[in-house]
Amino acid sequence: MSRAETVALIGRYFEAFNASDAEGMLACLHEDVAHDINQGGREIGREKFRWFLGMMNRHYKEELSDIVVMTNESGSRASAEFTVRGTYLSTAEGLPAASKQRYSLPAGIFFEIDDGLISRVTTYYNLADWTAQVAKG
């Protein structure tokens, strides 16, 4: 896959995210996608990713902006840096109580690309920063 094709694939993934289009996001993923959850474990498979998106949509309403996508020469690896702006809708297990607090924080994702689809999604953001923002109300 070329660099331009990888950038376009990642662009479609983020467009679907911002449109709350889970099926559009899933269409960008390899069947056996590896999903490394921020400060959590690794889940394998598109269906596990589907479950994760459903859980996230119950707890958060988020939009990504200021997205910058970078790739290696072959297009097999990419990363993106962006700003997450969101609302904490309902309390997630192990996290502070939700009362529709708003938050904004920088984040990043690393991607691997195989057979024209995303085969790894590794997400990073500062959980302590997010926690401090929602604790303020």
C-alpha atoms as a PDB file:
ATOM      1  CA  MET A   1       0.000   0.000   0.000  1.00  0.00           C
ATOM      2  CA  SER A   2       1.394   3.424  -0.856  1.00  0.00           C
ATOM      3  CA  ARG A   3       1.824   6.210   1.664  1.00  0.00           C
ATOM      4  CA  ALA A   4      -1.043   8.119   0.035  1.00  0.00           C
ATOM      5  CA  GLU A   5      -3.346   5.085   0.246  1.00  0.00           C
ATOM      6  CA  THR A   6      -2.444   4.623   3.928  1.00  0.00           C
ATOM      7  CA  VAL A   7      -3.151   8.292   4.679  1.00  0.00           C
ATOM      8  CA  ALA A   8      -6.506   7.953   2.887  1.00  0.00           C
ATOM      9  CA  LEU A   9      -7.370   4.787   4.875  1.00  0.00           C
ATOM     10  CA  ILE A  10      -6.524   6.460   8.187  1.00  0.00           C
ATOM     11  CA  GLY A  11      -8.507   9.511   7.053  1.00  0.00           C
ATOM     12  CA  ARG A  12     -11.575   7.323   6.409  1.00  0.00           C
ATOM     13  CA  TYR A  13     -11.166   5.755   9.858  1.00  0.00           C
ATOM     14  CA  PHE A  14     -11.127   9.171  11.564  1.00  0.00           C
ATOM     15  CA  GLU A  15     -13.990  10.517   9.429  1.00  0.00           C
ATOM     16  CA  ALA A  16     -16.090   7.534  10.499  1.00  0.00           C
ATOM     17  CA  PHE A  17     -15.094   8.115  14.139  1.00  0.00           C
ATOM     18  CA  ASN A  18     -16.199  11.744  14.001  1.00  0.00           C
ATOM     19  CA  ALA A  19     -19.476  10.724  12.330  1.00  0.00           C
ATOM     20  CA  SER A  20     -20.141   8.117  15.079  1.00  0.00           C
ATOM     21  CA  ASP A  21     -20.152   5.567  12.253  1.00  0.00           C
ATOM     22  CA  ALA A  22     -19.001   2.332  13.901  1.00  0.00           C
ATOM     23  CA  GLU A  23     -19.584   0.315  10.723  1.00  0.00           C
ATOM     24  CA  GLY A  24     -17.443   2.761   8.750  1.00  0.00           C
ATOM     25  CA  MET A  25     -14.631   2.394  11.281  1.00  0.00           C
ATOM     26  CA  LEU A  26     -14.931  -1.386  11.293  1.00  0.00           C
ATOM     27  CA  ALA A  27     -14.765  -1.455   7.483  1.00  0.00           C
ATOM     28  CA  CYS A  28     -11.243  -0.006   7.760  1.00  0.00           C
ATOM     29  CA  LEU A  29     -10.075  -2.814  10.057  1.00  0.00           C
ATOM     30  CA  HIS A  30      -8.532  -6.188   9.296  1.00  0.00           C
ATOM     31  CA  GLU A  31     -10.612  -9.124  10.583  1.00  0.00           C
ATOM     32  CA  ASP A  32      -7.841  -9.973  13.085  1.00  0.00           C
ATOM     33  CA  VAL A  33      -7.063  -6.388  14.127  1.00  0.00           C
ATOM     34  CA  ALA A  34      -4.946  -6.047  17.277  1.00  0.00           C
ATOM     35  CA  HIS A  35      -6.363  -3.313  19.501  1.00  0.00           C
ATOM     36  CA  ASP A  36      -4.092  -2.008  22.262  1.00  0.00           C
ATOM     37  CA  ILE A  37      -6.324  -0.079  24.651  1.00  0.00           C
ATOM     38  CA  ASN A  38      -4.789   2.935  26.397  1.00  0.00           C
ATOM     39  CA  GLN A  39      -3.296   1.739  29.701  1.00  0.00           C
ATOM     40  CA  GLY A  40      -5.117  -1.552  29.228  1.00  0.00           C
ATOM     41  CA  GLY A  41      -4.802  -4.862  27.483  1.00  0.00           C
ATOM     42  CA  ARG A  42      -4.778  -6.071  23.921  1.00  0.00           C
ATOM     43  CA  GLU A  43      -7.892  -7.393  22.206  1.00  0.00           C
ATOM     44  CA  ILE A  44      -7.849  -9.256  18.908  1.00  0.00           C
ATOM     45  CA  GLY A  45     -10.535  -9.178  16.245  1.00  0.00           C
ATOM     46  CA  ARG A  46     -13.025  -6.886  14.579  1.00  0.00           C
ATOM     47  CA  GLU A  47     -15.903  -8.175  16.730  1.00  0.00           C
ATOM     48  CA  LYS A  48     -14.058  -7.293  19.956  1.00  0.00           C
ATOM     49  CA  PHE A  49     -13.426  -3.858  18.468  1.00  0.00           C
ATOM     50  CA  ARG A  50     -17.155  -3.556  17.698  1.00  0.00           C
ATOM     51  CA  TRP A  51     -17.944  -4.330  21.358  1.00  0.00           C
ATOM     52  CA  PHE A  52     -15.342  -1.758  22.490  1.00  0.00           C
ATOM     53  CA  LEU A  53     -16.910   0.941  20.280  1.00  0.00           C
ATOM     54  CA  GLY A  54     -20.346   0.195  21.722  1.00  0.00           C
ATOM     55  CA  MET A  55     -18.999   0.525  25.248  1.00  0.00           C
ATOM     56  CA  MET A  56     -17.222   3.773  24.406  1.00  0.00           C
ATOM     57  CA  ASN A  57     -20.367   5.241  22.832  1.00  0.00           C
ATOM     58  CA  ARG A  58     -22.332   4.538  26.019  1.00  0.00           C
ATOM     59  CA  HIS A  59     -19.829   6.459  28.156  1.00  0.00           C
ATOM     60  CA  TYR A  60     -18.381   9.174  25.912  1.00  0.00           C
ATOM     61  CA  LYS A  61     -19.278  11.492  23.061  1.00  0.00           C
ATOM     62  CA  GLU A  62     -16.006  12.481  21.385  1.00  0.00           C
ATOM     63  CA  GLU A  63     -14.736  14.323  18.356  1.00  0.00           C
ATOM     64  CA  LEU A  64     -11.170  14.352  17.079  1.00  0.00           C
ATOM     65  CA  SER A  65      -9.596  17.473  15.604  1.00  0.00           C
ATOM     66  CA  ASP A  66      -6.182  18.820  14.627  1.00  0.00           C
ATOM     67  CA  ILE A  67      -5.414  15.386  13.115  1.00  0.00           C
ATOM     68  CA  VAL A  68      -1.943  14.895  11.642  1.00  0.00           C
ATOM     69  CA  VAL A  69      -1.173  11.532   9.999  1.00  0.00           C
ATOM     70  CA  MET A  70       2.401  10.322   9.466  1.00  0.00           C
ATOM     71  CA  THR A  71       3.530   7.159   7.646  1.00  0.00           C
ATOM     72  CA  ASN A  72       6.684   5.226   6.889  1.00  0.00           C
ATOM     73  CA  GLU A  73       7.941   4.999   3.294  1.00  0.00           C
ATOM     74  CA  SER A  74       6.085   1.776   2.476  1.00  0.00           C
ATOM     75  CA  GLY A  75       2.776   2.800   4.054  1.00  0.00           C
ATOM     76  CA  SER A  76       2.802  -0.278   6.308  1.00  0.00           C
ATOM     77  CA  ARG A  77       2.926   1.788   9.495  1.00  0.00           C
ATOM     78  CA  ALA A  78       1.319   5.067  10.413  1.00  0.00           C
ATOM     79  CA  SER A  79       0.684   7.281  13.376  1.00  0.00           C
ATOM     80  CA  ALA A  80      -1.693  10.110  14.068  1.00  0.00           C
ATOM     81  CA  GLU A  81      -1.618  12.897  16.602  1.00  0.00           C
ATOM     82  CA  PHE A  82      -4.826  14.743  17.403  1.00  0.00           C
ATOM     83  CA  THR A  83      -6.933  16.504  20.017  1.00  0.00           C
ATOM     84  CA  VAL A  84      -9.838  14.663  21.661  1.00  0.00           C
ATOM     85  CA  ARG A  85     -12.749  16.878  22.663  1.00  0.00           C
ATOM     86  CA  GLY A  86     -15.496  15.066  24.480  1.00  0.00           C
ATOM     87  CA  THR A  87     -18.271  14.751  27.007  1.00  0.00           C
ATOM     88  CA  TYR A  88     -18.303  12.088  29.715  1.00  0.00           C
ATOM     89  CA  LEU A  89     -21.875  10.776  29.464  1.00  0.00           C
ATOM     90  CA  SER A  90     -22.161   7.895  31.926  1.00  0.00           C
ATOM     91  CA  THR A  91     -19.865   6.481  34.583  1.00  0.00           C
ATOM     92  CA  ALA A  92     -17.391   3.891  33.320  1.00  0.00           C
ATOM     93  CA  GLU A  93     -16.244   1.175  35.700  1.00  0.00           C
ATOM     94  CA  GLY A  94     -13.229   2.225  37.764  1.00  0.00           C
ATOM     95  CA  LEU A  95     -13.413   5.860  36.684  1.00  0.00           C
ATOM     96  CA  PRO A  96     -14.861   9.007  38.336  1.00  0.00           C
ATOM     97  CA  ALA A  97     -18.610   9.588  38.312  1.00  0.00           C
ATOM     98  CA  ALA A  98     -19.952  11.058  35.085  1.00  0.00           C
ATOM     99  CA  SER A  99     -22.092  14.190  35.003  1.00  0.00           C
ATOM    100  CA  LYS A 100     -21.637  15.294  31.394  1.00  0.00           C
ATOM    101  CA  GLN A 101     -18.203  16.813  32.103  1.00  0.00           C
ATOM    102  CA  ARG A 102     -16.377  18.176  29.066  1.00  0.00           C
ATOM    103  CA  TYR A 103     -12.705  17.484  28.388  1.00  0.00           C
ATOM    104  CA  SER A 104      -9.997  18.180  25.832  1.00  0.00           C
ATOM    105  CA  LEU A 105      -6.645  16.422  25.617  1.00  0.00           C
ATOM    106  CA  PRO A 106      -3.935  15.448  23.154  1.00  0.00           C
ATOM    107  CA  ALA A 107      -3.777  11.825  22.036  1.00  0.00           C
ATOM    108  CA  GLY A 108      -2.128   9.580  19.505  1.00  0.00           C
ATOM    109  CA  ILE A 109      -2.643   6.299  17.718  1.00  0.00           C
ATOM    110  CA  PHE A 110      -0.121   3.977  16.083  1.00  0.00           C
ATOM    111  CA  PHE A 111      -1.351   1.854  13.181  1.00  0.00           C
ATOM    112  CA  GLU A 112      -0.092  -1.138  11.224  1.00  0.00           C
ATOM    113  CA  ILE A 113      -1.501  -1.800   7.765  1.00  0.00           C
ATOM    114  CA  ASP A 114      -1.810  -5.245   6.137  1.00  0.00           C
ATOM    115  CA  ASP A 115      -3.657  -6.202   2.964  1.00  0.00           C
ATOM    116  CA  GLY A 116      -5.033  -2.660   2.622  1.00  0.00           C
ATOM    117  CA  LEU A 117      -6.645  -2.633   6.079  1.00  0.00           C
ATOM    118  CA  ILE A 118      -5.651  -1.519   9.565  1.00  0.00           C
ATOM    119  CA  SER A 119      -4.242  -4.526  11.424  1.00  0.00           C
ATOM    120  CA  ARG A 120      -3.166  -2.767  14.642  1.00  0.00           C
ATOM    121  CA  VAL A 121      -4.580   0.204  16.572  1.00  0.00           C
ATOM    122  CA  THR A 122      -2.540   1.317  19.605  1.00  0.00           C
ATOM    123  CA  THR A 123      -4.000   4.332  21.403  1.00  0.00           C
ATOM    124  CA  TYR A 124      -2.211   6.649  23.851  1.00  0.00           C
ATOM    125  CA  TYR A 125      -3.458   9.562  25.937  1.00  0.00           C
ATOM    126  CA  ASN A 126      -2.761  10.870  29.419  1.00  0.00           C
ATOM    127  CA  LEU A 127      -5.354   9.230  31.665  1.00  0.00           C
ATOM    128  CA  ALA A 128      -4.269  11.350  34.653  1.00  0.00           C
ATOM    129  CA  ASP A 129      -4.964  14.516  32.622  1.00  0.00           C
ATOM    130  CA  TRP A 130      -8.402  13.206  31.598  1.00  0.00           C
ATOM    131  CA  THR A 131      -9.203  12.208  35.191  1.00  0.00           C
ATOM    132  CA  ALA A 132      -8.194  15.635  36.520  1.00  0.00           C
ATOM    133  CA  GLN A 133     -10.389  17.363  33.932  1.00  0.00           C
ATOM    134  CA  VAL A 134     -13.503  15.313  34.694  1.00  0.00           C
ATOM    135  CA  ALA A 135     -12.902  15.528  38.466  1.00  0.00           C
ATOM    136  CA  LYS A 136     -13.197  19.331  38.187  1.00  0.00           C
ATOM    137  CA  GLY A 137     -16.689  18.904  36.792  1.00  0.00           C
END
